[in-house]
Amino acid sequence: AKKGSGMQLLFWDPAKKKLRVTVVDSGGNFDQGTGSIEAGSLEWASFGNFADGRAVEYKWKTTFSDDGNTHVHTGFVEVNGVRNNFSDTLKRVVK
């Protein structure tokens, strides 16, 4: 597999009172969306395109536990009308 690189820009939009996210990568993929804070979690929705032109939609929720050291992302990605659910757990560790 080829190695690639990308960049994510995350910022507060004071007009919409939401988080905004824009993602681009060296493969030509693009995605942008919004996030909102709901009862101690973050709820995200974004839309974009893969480099080959296929539209992609993401919706997910991020919850936090263990004093913020554990983040759980659950949601779905939809490409060409096919929805795939996902759940990822990220845990901060100290070396």
PDB file of N, CA and C in Angstrom:
ATOM      1  N   ALA A   1       0.832  -1.186   0.000  1.00  0.00           N
ATOM      2  CA  ALA A   1       0.000   0.000   0.000  1.00  0.00           C
ATOM      3  C   ALA A   1       0.872   1.243   0.000  1.00  0.00           C
ATOM      4  N   LYS A   2       0.403   2.254  -0.691  1.00  0.00           N
ATOM      5  CA  LYS A   2       1.117   3.527  -0.726  1.00  0.00           C
ATOM      6  C   LYS A   2       0.893   4.286   0.568  1.00  0.00           C
ATOM      7  N   LYS A   3       1.913   5.023   0.963  1.00  0.00           N
ATOM      8  CA  LYS A   3       1.761   5.888   2.122  1.00  0.00           C
ATOM      9  C   LYS A   3       1.242   7.231   1.637  1.00  0.00           C
ATOM     10  N   GLY A   4       0.404   7.845   2.444  1.00  0.00           N
ATOM     11  CA  GLY A   4      -0.141   9.149   2.101  1.00  0.00           C
ATOM     12  C   GLY A   4      -0.063  10.072   3.298  1.00  0.00           C
ATOM     13  N   SER A   5      -0.506  11.268   3.075  1.00  0.00           N
ATOM     14  CA  SER A   5      -0.559  12.221   4.172  1.00  0.00           C
ATOM     15  C   SER A   5      -1.839  13.027   4.041  1.00  0.00           C
ATOM     16  N   GLY A   6      -2.221  13.633   5.120  1.00  0.00           N
ATOM     17  CA  GLY A   6      -3.443  14.413   5.107  1.00  0.00           C
ATOM     18  C   GLY A   6      -3.417  15.472   6.182  1.00  0.00           C
ATOM     19  N   MET A   7      -4.439  16.306   6.152  1.00  0.00           N
ATOM     20  CA  MET A   7      -4.544  17.360   7.141  1.00  0.00           C
ATOM     21  C   MET A   7      -5.999  17.527   7.542  1.00  0.00           C
ATOM     22  N   GLN A   8      -6.205  17.733   8.820  1.00  0.00           N
ATOM     23  CA  GLN A   8      -7.534  17.989   9.350  1.00  0.00           C
ATOM     24  C   GLN A   8      -7.502  19.349  10.033  1.00  0.00           C
ATOM     25  N   LEU A   9      -8.444  20.195   9.681  1.00  0.00           N
ATOM     26  CA  LEU A   9      -8.589  21.507  10.300  1.00  0.00           C
ATOM     27  C   LEU A   9      -9.878  21.494  11.106  1.00  0.00           C
ATOM     28  N   LEU A  10      -9.768  21.742  12.394  1.00  0.00           N
ATOM     29  CA  LEU A  10     -10.905  21.726  13.299  1.00  0.00           C
ATOM     30  C   LEU A  10     -10.977  23.098  13.955  1.00  0.00           C
ATOM     31  N   PHE A  11     -12.164  23.749  13.890  1.00  0.00           N
ATOM     32  CA  PHE A  11     -12.281  25.091  14.451  1.00  0.00           C
ATOM     33  C   PHE A  11     -13.712  25.355  14.889  1.00  0.00           C
ATOM     34  N   TRP A  12     -13.877  26.374  15.716  1.00  0.00           N
ATOM     35  CA  TRP A  12     -15.184  26.797  16.214  1.00  0.00           C
ATOM     36  C   TRP A  12     -15.761  27.828  15.264  1.00  0.00           C
ATOM     37  N   ASP A  13     -17.006  27.616  14.834  1.00  0.00           N
ATOM     38  CA  ASP A  13     -17.726  28.564  13.982  1.00  0.00           C
ATOM     39  C   ASP A  13     -18.681  29.357  14.881  1.00  0.00           C
ATOM     40  N   PRO A  14     -18.345  30.609  15.212  1.00  0.00           N
ATOM     41  CA  PRO A  14     -19.186  31.370  16.132  1.00  0.00           C
ATOM     42  C   PRO A  14     -20.559  31.703  15.557  1.00  0.00           C
ATOM     43  N   ALA A  15     -20.674  31.810  14.243  1.00  0.00           N
ATOM     44  CA  ALA A  15     -21.963  32.121  13.621  1.00  0.00           C
ATOM     45  C   ALA A  15     -22.932  30.942  13.767  1.00  0.00           C
ATOM     46  N   LYS A  16     -22.435  29.713  13.541  1.00  0.00           N
ATOM     47  CA  LYS A  16     -23.289  28.520  13.639  1.00  0.00           C
ATOM     48  C   LYS A  16     -23.296  27.912  15.029  1.00  0.00           C
ATOM     49  N   LYS A  17     -22.368  28.384  15.887  1.00  0.00           N
ATOM     50  CA  LYS A  17     -22.209  27.829  17.225  1.00  0.00           C
ATOM     51  C   LYS A  17     -21.994  26.311  17.183  1.00  0.00           C
ATOM     52  N   LYS A  18     -21.102  25.918  16.258  1.00  0.00           N
ATOM     53  CA  LYS A  18     -20.761  24.502  16.078  1.00  0.00           C
ATOM     54  C   LYS A  18     -19.282  24.381  15.777  1.00  0.00           C
ATOM     55  N   LEU A  19     -18.761  23.197  16.017  1.00  0.00           N
ATOM     56  CA  LEU A  19     -17.421  22.866  15.544  1.00  0.00           C
ATOM     57  C   LEU A  19     -17.503  22.617  14.047  1.00  0.00           C
ATOM     58  N   ARG A  20     -16.463  22.980  13.322  1.00  0.00           N
ATOM     59  CA  ARG A  20     -16.391  22.692  11.886  1.00  0.00           C
ATOM     60  C   ARG A  20     -15.128  21.885  11.649  1.00  0.00           C
ATOM     61  N   VAL A  21     -15.195  20.973  10.695  1.00  0.00           N
ATOM     62  CA  VAL A  21     -14.046  20.145  10.365  1.00  0.00           C
ATOM     63  C   VAL A  21     -13.911  20.071   8.847  1.00  0.00           C
ATOM     64  N   THR A  22     -12.670  20.190   8.385  1.00  0.00           N
ATOM     65  CA  THR A  22     -12.343  20.008   6.973  1.00  0.00           C
ATOM     66  C   THR A  22     -11.147  19.071   6.903  1.00  0.00           C
ATOM     67  N   VAL A  23     -11.233  18.057   6.044  1.00  0.00           N
ATOM     68  CA  VAL A  23     -10.169  17.063   5.904  1.00  0.00           C
ATOM     69  C   VAL A  23      -9.811  16.935   4.429  1.00  0.00           C
ATOM     70  N   VAL A  24      -8.517  16.966   4.131  1.00  0.00           N
ATOM     71  CA  VAL A  24      -8.015  16.699   2.777  1.00  0.00           C
ATOM     72  C   VAL A  24      -6.818  15.767   2.910  1.00  0.00           C
ATOM     73  N   ASP A  25      -6.577  14.968   1.872  1.00  0.00           N
ATOM     74  CA  ASP A  25      -5.392  14.120   1.918  1.00  0.00           C
ATOM     75  C   ASP A  25      -4.704  14.077   0.562  1.00  0.00           C
ATOM     76  N   SER A  26      -3.513  13.508   0.562  1.00  0.00           N
ATOM     77  CA  SER A  26      -2.681  13.486  -0.641  1.00  0.00           C
ATOM     78  C   SER A  26      -3.245  12.584  -1.728  1.00  0.00           C
ATOM     79  N   GLY A  27      -4.241  11.768  -1.399  1.00  0.00           N
ATOM     80  CA  GLY A  27      -4.875  10.905  -2.390  1.00  0.00           C
ATOM     81  C   GLY A  27      -5.994  11.595  -3.152  1.00  0.00           C
ATOM     82  N   GLY A  28      -6.305  12.858  -2.795  1.00  0.00           N
ATOM     83  CA  GLY A  28      -7.356  13.596  -3.478  1.00  0.00           C
ATOM     84  C   GLY A  28      -8.725  13.464  -2.827  1.00  0.00           C
ATOM     85  N   ASN A  29      -8.788  12.935  -1.622  1.00  0.00           N
ATOM     86  CA  ASN A  29     -10.048  12.796  -0.903  1.00  0.00           C
ATOM     87  C   ASN A  29     -10.341  14.076  -0.123  1.00  0.00           C
ATOM     88  N   PHE A  30     -11.631  14.385   0.052  1.00  0.00           N
ATOM     89  CA  PHE A  30     -12.045  15.632   0.702  1.00  0.00           C
ATOM     90  C   PHE A  30     -13.297  15.385   1.524  1.00  0.00           C
ATOM     91  N   ASP A  31     -13.379  16.048   2.672  1.00  0.00           N
ATOM     92  CA  ASP A  31     -14.528  15.877   3.552  1.00  0.00           C
ATOM     93  C   ASP A  31     -14.684  17.128   4.407  1.00  0.00           C
ATOM     94  N   GLN A  32     -15.919  17.556   4.646  1.00  0.00           N
ATOM     95  CA  GLN A  32     -16.151  18.660   5.574  1.00  0.00           C
ATOM     96  C   GLN A  32     -17.478  18.470   6.281  1.00  0.00           C
ATOM     97  N   GLY A  33     -17.548  18.988   7.510  1.00  0.00           N
ATOM     98  CA  GLY A  33     -18.773  18.805   8.269  1.00  0.00           C
ATOM     99  C   GLY A  33     -18.803  19.645   9.523  1.00  0.00           C
ATOM    100  N   THR A  34     -19.755  19.300  10.391  1.00  0.00           N
ATOM    101  CA  THR A  34     -19.948  20.033  11.637  1.00  0.00           C
ATOM    102  C   THR A  34     -20.064  19.072  12.806  1.00  0.00           C
ATOM    103  N   GLY A  35     -19.780  19.604  13.971  1.00  0.00           N
ATOM    104  CA  GLY A  35     -19.931  18.846  15.204  1.00  0.00           C
ATOM    105  C   GLY A  35     -20.605  19.702  16.246  1.00  0.00           C
ATOM    106  N   SER A  36     -21.365  19.060  17.111  1.00  0.00           N
ATOM    107  CA  SER A  36     -22.025  19.791  18.190  1.00  0.00           C
ATOM    108  C   SER A  36     -21.836  19.034  19.492  1.00  0.00           C
ATOM    109  N   ILE A  37     -21.853  19.789  20.586  1.00  0.00           N
ATOM    110  CA  ILE A  37     -21.702  19.207  21.914  1.00  0.00           C
ATOM    111  C   ILE A  37     -23.087  18.896  22.448  1.00  0.00           C
ATOM    112  N   GLU A  38     -23.314  17.621  22.757  1.00  0.00           N
ATOM    113  CA  GLU A  38     -24.625  17.153  23.231  1.00  0.00           C
ATOM    114  C   GLU A  38     -24.430  16.290  24.465  1.00  0.00           C
ATOM    115  N   ALA A  39     -24.837  16.788  25.620  1.00  0.00           N
ATOM    116  CA  ALA A  39     -24.832  16.010  26.875  1.00  0.00           C
ATOM    117  C   ALA A  39     -23.510  15.272  27.115  1.00  0.00           C
ATOM    118  N   GLY A  40     -22.397  15.986  27.024  1.00  0.00           N
ATOM    119  CA  GLY A  40     -21.103  15.392  27.326  1.00  0.00           C
ATOM    120  C   GLY A  40     -20.484  14.575  26.212  1.00  0.00           C
ATOM    121  N   SER A  41     -21.072  14.603  25.035  1.00  0.00           N
ATOM    122  CA  SER A  41     -20.494  13.895  23.890  1.00  0.00           C
ATOM    123  C   SER A  41     -20.429  14.855  22.706  1.00  0.00           C
ATOM    124  N   LEU A  42     -19.761  14.441  21.664  1.00  0.00           N
ATOM    125  CA  LEU A  42     -19.700  15.209  20.416  1.00  0.00           C
ATOM    126  C   LEU A  42     -20.459  14.446  19.346  1.00  0.00           C
ATOM    127  N   GLU A  43     -21.318  15.125  18.603  1.00  0.00           N
ATOM    128  CA  GLU A  43     -22.035  14.505  17.488  1.00  0.00           C
ATOM    129  C   GLU A  43     -21.577  15.175  16.202  1.00  0.00           C
ATOM    130  N   TRP A  44     -21.181  14.354  15.230  1.00  0.00           N
ATOM    131  CA  TRP A  44     -20.569  14.815  13.995  1.00  0.00           C
ATOM    132  C   TRP A  44     -21.370  14.378  12.781  1.00  0.00           C
ATOM    133  N   ALA A  45     -21.339  15.186  11.733  1.00  0.00           N
ATOM    134  CA  ALA A  45     -21.904  14.823  10.429  1.00  0.00           C
ATOM    135  C   ALA A  45     -21.033  15.485   9.373  1.00  0.00           C
ATOM    136  N   SER A  46     -20.610  14.727   8.368  1.00  0.00           N
ATOM    137  CA  SER A  46     -19.779  15.303   7.314  1.00  0.00           C
ATOM    138  C   SER A  46     -20.063  14.639   5.977  1.00  0.00           C
ATOM    139  N   PHE A  47     -19.710  15.358   4.932  1.00  0.00           N
ATOM    140  CA  PHE A  47     -19.918  14.916   3.559  1.00  0.00           C
ATOM    141  C   PHE A  47     -18.675  15.242   2.753  1.00  0.00           C
ATOM    142  N   GLY A  48     -18.406  14.443   1.742  1.00  0.00           N
ATOM    143  CA  GLY A  48     -17.250  14.713   0.903  1.00  0.00           C
ATOM    144  C   GLY A  48     -17.241  13.831  -0.318  1.00  0.00           C
ATOM    145  N   ASN A  49     -16.061  13.761  -0.919  1.00  0.00           N
ATOM    146  CA  ASN A  49     -15.865  12.952  -2.110  1.00  0.00           C
ATOM    147  C   ASN A  49     -14.524  12.260  -2.040  1.00  0.00           C
ATOM    148  N   PHE A  50     -14.508  11.020  -2.513  1.00  0.00           N
ATOM    149  CA  PHE A  50     -13.240  10.336  -2.723  1.00  0.00           C
ATOM    150  C   PHE A  50     -12.626  10.865  -4.014  1.00  0.00           C
ATOM    151  N   ALA A  51     -11.360  10.576  -4.228  1.00  0.00           N
ATOM    152  CA  ALA A  51     -10.657  11.072  -5.408  1.00  0.00           C
ATOM    153  C   ALA A  51     -11.292  10.595  -6.713  1.00  0.00           C
ATOM    154  N   ASP A  52     -11.962   9.449  -6.690  1.00  0.00           N
ATOM    155  CA  ASP A  52     -12.593   8.927  -7.910  1.00  0.00           C
ATOM    156  C   ASP A  52     -13.994   9.493  -8.137  1.00  0.00           C
ATOM    157  N   GLY A  53     -14.420  10.447  -7.284  1.00  0.00           N
ATOM    158  CA  GLY A  53     -15.700  11.116  -7.476  1.00  0.00           C
ATOM    159  C   GLY A  53     -16.850  10.539  -6.677  1.00  0.00           C
ATOM    160  N   ARG A  54     -16.664   9.381  -6.044  1.00  0.00           N
ATOM    161  CA  ARG A  54     -17.743   8.804  -5.241  1.00  0.00           C
ATOM    162  C   ARG A  54     -18.033   9.687  -4.027  1.00  0.00           C
ATOM    163  N   ALA A  55     -19.327   9.950  -3.801  1.00  0.00           N
ATOM    164  CA  ALA A  55     -19.729  10.727  -2.626  1.00  0.00           C
ATOM    165  C   ALA A  55     -19.637   9.862  -1.381  1.00  0.00           C
ATOM    166  N   VAL A  56     -19.269  10.489  -0.266  1.00  0.00           N
ATOM    167  CA  VAL A  56     -19.171   9.787   1.008  1.00  0.00           C
ATOM    168  C   VAL A  56     -19.839  10.637   2.087  1.00  0.00           C
ATOM    169  N   GLU A  57     -20.551   9.969   2.991  1.00  0.00           N
ATOM    170  CA  GLU A  57     -21.208  10.634   4.118  1.00  0.00           C
ATOM    171  C   GLU A  57     -20.805   9.917   5.395  1.00  0.00           C
ATOM    172  N   TYR A  58     -20.474  10.690   6.413  1.00  0.00           N
ATOM    173  CA  TYR A  58     -20.134  10.148   7.720  1.00  0.00           C
ATOM    174  C   TYR A  58     -21.064  10.753   8.766  1.00  0.00           C
ATOM    175  N   LYS A  59     -21.498   9.938   9.724  1.00  0.00           N
ATOM    176  CA  LYS A  59     -22.185  10.431  10.924  1.00  0.00           C
ATOM    177  C   LYS A  59     -21.676   9.593  12.082  1.00  0.00           C
ATOM    178  N   TRP A  60     -21.250  10.274  13.148  1.00  0.00           N
ATOM    179  CA  TRP A  60     -20.742   9.541  14.289  1.00  0.00           C
ATOM    180  C   TRP A  60     -20.851  10.362  15.553  1.00  0.00           C
ATOM    181  N   LYS A  61     -20.737   9.641  16.668  1.00  0.00           N
ATOM    182  CA  LYS A  61     -20.804  10.243  17.994  1.00  0.00           C
ATOM    183  C   LYS A  61     -19.533   9.862  18.732  1.00  0.00           C
ATOM    184  N   THR A  62     -18.957  10.827  19.434  1.00  0.00           N
ATOM    185  CA  THR A  62     -17.773  10.580  20.244  1.00  0.00           C
ATOM    186  C   THR A  62     -18.148  10.746  21.708  1.00  0.00           C
ATOM    187  N   THR A  63     -17.901   9.709  22.497  1.00  0.00           N
ATOM    188  CA  THR A  63     -18.128   9.776  23.943  1.00  0.00           C
ATOM    189  C   THR A  63     -16.789   9.625  24.649  1.00  0.00           C
ATOM    190  N   PHE A  64     -16.729  10.121  25.878  1.00  0.00           N
ATOM    191  CA  PHE A  64     -15.484  10.147  26.640  1.00  0.00           C
ATOM    192  C   PHE A  64     -15.693   9.467  27.985  1.00  0.00           C
ATOM    193  N   SER A  65     -14.667   8.760  28.442  1.00  0.00           N
ATOM    194  CA  SER A  65     -14.694   8.142  29.761  1.00  0.00           C
ATOM    195  C   SER A  65     -13.275   8.109  30.309  1.00  0.00           C
ATOM    196  N   ASP A  66     -13.111   7.580  31.503  1.00  0.00           N
ATOM    197  CA  ASP A  66     -11.782   7.414  32.091  1.00  0.00           C
ATOM    198  C   ASP A  66     -11.049   8.756  32.165  1.00  0.00           C
ATOM    199  N   ASP A  67     -11.740   9.788  32.673  1.00  0.00           N
ATOM    200  CA  ASP A  67     -11.182  11.146  32.784  1.00  0.00           C
ATOM    201  C   ASP A  67     -10.698  11.678  31.440  1.00  0.00           C
ATOM    202  N   GLY A  68     -11.388  11.324  30.379  1.00  0.00           N
ATOM    203  CA  GLY A  68     -11.038  11.804  29.043  1.00  0.00           C
ATOM    204  C   GLY A  68      -9.955  10.995  28.351  1.00  0.00           C
ATOM    205  N   ASN A  69      -9.475   9.937  28.988  1.00  0.00           N
ATOM    206  CA  ASN A  69      -8.407   9.126  28.398  1.00  0.00           C
ATOM    207  C   ASN A  69      -8.915   8.092  27.407  1.00  0.00           C
ATOM    208  N   THR A  70     -10.224   7.834  27.415  1.00  0.00           N
ATOM    209  CA  THR A  70     -10.813   6.881  26.473  1.00  0.00           C
ATOM    210  C   THR A  70     -11.871   7.603  25.640  1.00  0.00           C
ATOM    211  N   HIS A  71     -11.751   7.483  24.326  1.00  0.00           N
ATOM    212  CA  HIS A  71     -12.705   8.075  23.384  1.00  0.00           C
ATOM    213  C   HIS A  71     -13.318   6.938  22.572  1.00  0.00           C
ATOM    214  N   VAL A  72     -14.643   6.903  22.492  1.00  0.00           N
ATOM    215  CA  VAL A  72     -15.331   5.887  21.701  1.00  0.00           C
ATOM    216  C   VAL A  72     -16.078   6.593  20.578  1.00  0.00           C
ATOM    217  N   HIS A  73     -15.787   6.198  19.344  1.00  0.00           N
ATOM    218  CA  HIS A  73     -16.428   6.758  18.154  1.00  0.00           C
ATOM    219  C   HIS A  73     -17.349   5.684  17.571  1.00  0.00           C
ATOM    220  N   THR A  74     -18.644   5.970  17.486  1.00  0.00           N
ATOM    221  CA  THR A  74     -19.595   5.031  16.893  1.00  0.00           C
ATOM    222  C   THR A  74     -20.433   5.766  15.868  1.00  0.00           C
ATOM    223  N   GLY A  75     -20.676   5.119  14.737  1.00  0.00           N
ATOM    224  CA  GLY A  75     -21.476   5.748  13.700  1.00  0.00           C
ATOM    225  C   GLY A  75     -21.487   4.931  12.434  1.00  0.00           C
ATOM    226  N   PHE A  76     -21.575   5.647  11.294  1.00  0.00           N
ATOM    227  CA  PHE A  76     -21.590   4.956  10.005  1.00  0.00           C
ATOM    228  C   PHE A  76     -20.908   5.801   8.942  1.00  0.00           C
ATOM    229  N   VAL A  77     -20.487   5.110   7.901  1.00  0.00           N
ATOM    230  CA  VAL A  77     -19.999   5.734   6.675  1.00  0.00           C
ATOM    231  C   VAL A  77     -20.852   5.169   5.547  1.00  0.00           C
ATOM    232  N   GLU A  78     -21.305   6.040   4.651  1.00  0.00           N
ATOM    233  CA  GLU A  78     -22.132   5.598   3.526  1.00  0.00           C
ATOM    234  C   GLU A  78     -21.472   6.012   2.214  1.00  0.00           C
ATOM    235  N   VAL A  79     -21.267   5.027   1.334  1.00  0.00           N
ATOM    236  CA  VAL A  79     -20.666   5.244   0.018  1.00  0.00           C
ATOM    237  C   VAL A  79     -21.551   4.569  -1.016  1.00  0.00           C
ATOM    238  N   ASN A  80     -21.973   5.308  -2.033  1.00  0.00           N
ATOM    239  CA  ASN A  80     -22.838   4.774  -3.093  1.00  0.00           C
ATOM    240  C   ASN A  80     -24.082   4.089  -2.535  1.00  0.00           C
ATOM    241  N   GLY A  81     -24.659   4.661  -1.488  1.00  0.00           N
ATOM    242  CA  GLY A  81     -25.883   4.114  -0.912  1.00  0.00           C
ATOM    243  C   GLY A  81     -25.690   2.914  -0.012  1.00  0.00           C
ATOM    244  N   VAL A  82     -24.459   2.479   0.185  1.00  0.00           N
ATOM    245  CA  VAL A  82     -24.172   1.334   1.048  1.00  0.00           C
ATOM    246  C   VAL A  82     -23.639   1.854   2.376  1.00  0.00           C
ATOM    247  N   ARG A  83     -24.340   1.522   3.447  1.00  0.00           N
ATOM    248  CA  ARG A  83     -23.986   2.002   4.781  1.00  0.00           C
ATOM    249  C   ARG A  83     -23.230   0.929   5.545  1.00  0.00           C
ATOM    250  N   ASN A  84     -22.109   1.337   6.151  1.00  0.00           N
ATOM    251  CA  ASN A  84     -21.327   0.455   7.011  1.00  0.00           C
ATOM    252  C   ASN A  84     -21.177   1.112   8.368  1.00  0.00           C
ATOM    253  N   ASN A  85     -21.564   0.394   9.419  1.00  0.00           N
ATOM    254  CA  ASN A  85     -21.430   0.892  10.774  1.00  0.00           C
ATOM    255  C   ASN A  85     -20.010   0.669  11.273  1.00  0.00           C
ATOM    256  N   PHE A  86     -19.574   1.503  12.206  1.00  0.00           N
ATOM    257  CA  PHE A  86     -18.265   1.320  12.809  1.00  0.00           C
ATOM    258  C   PHE A  86     -18.309   1.712  14.281  1.00  0.00           C
ATOM    259  N   SER A  87     -17.351   1.205  15.019  1.00  0.00           N
ATOM    260  CA  SER A  87     -17.131   1.576  16.411  1.00  0.00           C
ATOM    261  C   SER A  87     -15.641   1.433  16.685  1.00  0.00           C
ATOM    262  N   ASP A  88     -15.016   2.542  17.092  1.00  0.00           N
ATOM    263  CA  ASP A  88     -13.582   2.554  17.395  1.00  0.00           C
ATOM    264  C   ASP A  88     -13.384   3.069  18.806  1.00  0.00           C
ATOM    265  N   THR A  89     -12.498   2.430  19.546  1.00  0.00           N
ATOM    266  CA  THR A  89     -12.148   2.888  20.884  1.00  0.00           C
ATOM    267  C   THR A  89     -10.686   3.281  20.883  1.00  0.00           C
ATOM    268  N   LEU A  90     -10.431   4.514  21.300  1.00  0.00           N
ATOM    269  CA  LEU A  90      -9.080   5.038  21.387  1.00  0.00           C
ATOM    270  C   LEU A  90      -8.758   5.269  22.854  1.00  0.00           C
ATOM    271  N   LYS A  91      -7.613   4.762  23.297  1.00  0.00           N
ATOM    272  CA  LYS A  91      -7.250   4.883  24.701  1.00  0.00           C
ATOM    273  C   LYS A  91      -5.870   5.526  24.788  1.00  0.00           C
ATOM    274  N   ARG A  92      -5.786   6.617  25.544  1.00  0.00           N
ATOM    275  CA  ARG A  92      -4.516   7.300  25.757  1.00  0.00           C
ATOM    276  C   ARG A  92      -3.675   6.470  26.717  1.00  0.00           C
ATOM    277  N   VAL A  93      -2.416   6.251  26.360  1.00  0.00           N
ATOM    278  CA  VAL A  93      -1.510   5.485  27.212  1.00  0.00           C
ATOM    279  C   VAL A  93      -0.279   6.341  27.509  1.00  0.00           C
ATOM    280  N   VAL A  94       0.374   6.054  28.597  1.00  0.00           N
ATOM    281  CA  VAL A  94       1.583   6.765  28.992  1.00  0.00           C
ATOM    282  C   VAL A  94       2.748   5.802  28.847  1.00  0.00           C
ATOM    283  N   LYS A  95       3.826   6.288  28.243  1.00  0.00           N
ATOM    284  CA  LYS A  95       5.019   5.436  28.082  1.00  0.00           C
ATOM    285  C   LYS A  95       5.866   5.457  29.316  1.00  0.00           C
TER     286      LYS A  95
END
